[in-house]
């Protein structure tokens, strides 16, 4: 058994991005986990931007964007479920 939130936090930045953008259902994240991860990285990014040491902002931006995308998608799937008929109509 594993913790999805721990799998995001204890990976490297690159591996976190890979798991966020992967199309497999190995990692199923709850909206709460994604919100916590996004907020934490937001605080990290603000801190990094405000200190006088050279640090990157590119990867934290990708991580926050990927996490917010997953969060929005999970909220849309929860509150606006589409049936198979909707997908078939949209594909035509």
Protein backbone atom coordinates (compact mmCIF):
# COMPACT_ATOMS: atom_id res chain seq x y z
CA UNK A 1 0.00 0.00 0.00
CA UNK A 2 1.26 3.47 -0.80
CA UNK A 3 0.27 7.06 -0.20
CA UNK A 4 -0.42 8.98 -3.42
CA UNK A 5 0.52 12.25 -1.73
CA UNK A 6 3.83 10.79 -0.53
CA UNK A 7 4.54 9.54 -4.05
CA UNK A 8 4.33 13.15 -5.24
CA UNK A 9 6.33 14.71 -2.41
CA UNK A 10 9.14 12.18 -2.15
CA UNK A 11 9.90 11.95 -5.87
CA UNK A 12 12.29 14.23 -7.66
CA UNK A 13 10.79 17.16 -9.53
CA UNK A 14 11.18 15.35 -12.84
CA UNK A 15 9.50 12.18 -11.60
CA UNK A 16 6.65 14.18 -10.08
CA UNK A 17 6.07 15.81 -13.44
CA UNK A 18 6.14 12.42 -15.18
CA UNK A 19 3.55 10.96 -12.82
CA UNK A 20 1.32 14.02 -13.15
CA UNK A 21 1.38 13.91 -16.94
CA UNK A 22 1.23 10.13 -17.31
CA UNK A 23 -1.86 8.63 -18.86
CA UNK A 24 -1.83 5.49 -16.74
CA UNK A 25 -4.14 4.93 -13.82
CA UNK A 26 -1.39 3.66 -11.51
CA UNK A 27 -1.51 6.82 -9.43
CA UNK A 28 -5.01 7.92 -8.51
CA UNK A 29 -4.91 11.21 -6.65
CA UNK A 30 -7.78 12.64 -4.64
CA UNK A 31 -8.72 16.30 -5.00
CA UNK A 32 -7.53 16.89 -1.43
CA UNK A 33 -4.08 15.45 -2.20
CA UNK A 34 -3.75 17.56 -5.33
CA UNK A 35 -4.84 20.72 -3.50
CA UNK A 36 -2.30 20.13 -0.71
CA UNK A 37 0.49 19.45 -3.21
CA UNK A 38 -0.37 22.56 -5.26
CA UNK A 39 -0.52 24.82 -2.21
CA UNK A 40 2.78 23.48 -0.88
CA UNK A 41 4.54 24.03 -4.22
CA UNK A 42 2.99 27.50 -4.43
CA UNK A 43 4.59 28.36 -1.08
CA UNK A 44 7.91 26.84 -2.23
CA UNK A 45 7.81 28.90 -5.44
CA UNK A 46 7.03 32.15 -3.65
CA UNK A 47 9.89 31.51 -1.24
CA UNK A 48 12.27 30.66 -4.09
CA UNK A 49 11.29 33.80 -5.98
CA UNK A 50 11.85 36.00 -2.93
CA UNK A 51 15.31 34.88 -1.84
CA UNK A 52 18.59 36.20 -3.24
CA UNK A 53 20.01 32.89 -4.43
CA UNK A 54 19.88 31.50 -7.95
CA UNK A 55 17.05 29.01 -8.17
CA UNK A 56 14.84 27.81 -10.96
CA UNK A 57 11.23 28.77 -11.47
CA UNK A 58 10.59 26.69 -14.58
CA UNK A 59 10.07 23.25 -12.98
CA UNK A 60 7.96 24.53 -10.07
CA UNK A 61 5.73 26.26 -12.62
CA UNK A 62 5.30 23.04 -14.57
CA UNK A 63 4.60 21.11 -11.37
CA UNK A 64 1.93 23.58 -10.23
CA UNK A 65 0.39 23.69 -13.71
CA UNK A 66 0.28 19.90 -13.99
CA UNK A 67 -1.20 19.54 -10.53
CA UNK A 68 -3.81 22.22 -11.15
CA UNK A 69 -4.71 20.55 -14.45
CA UNK A 70 -5.23 17.22 -12.68
CA UNK A 71 -7.23 18.96 -9.95
CA UNK A 72 -9.50 20.75 -12.44
CA UNK A 73 -10.00 17.54 -14.40
CA UNK A 74 -10.94 15.56 -11.31
CA UNK A 75 -13.38 18.27 -10.20
CA UNK A 76 -14.97 18.41 -13.65
CA UNK A 77 -15.32 14.62 -13.77
CA UNK A 78 -16.86 14.64 -10.30
CA UNK A 79 -19.37 17.45 -10.79
CA UNK A 80 -20.04 17.24 -14.55
CA UNK A 81 -19.96 13.54 -15.40
CA UNK A 82 -20.28 12.69 -19.08
CA UNK A 83 -21.73 9.46 -20.32
CA UNK A 84 -20.39 7.38 -23.18
CA UNK A 85 -23.07 8.90 -25.45
CA UNK A 86 -21.65 12.38 -24.84
CA UNK A 87 -18.17 11.20 -25.82
CA UNK A 88 -19.49 9.61 -29.02
CA UNK A 89 -21.39 12.77 -29.96
CA UNK A 90 -18.35 14.93 -29.27
CA UNK A 91 -16.16 12.71 -31.44
CA UNK A 92 -18.44 13.11 -34.48
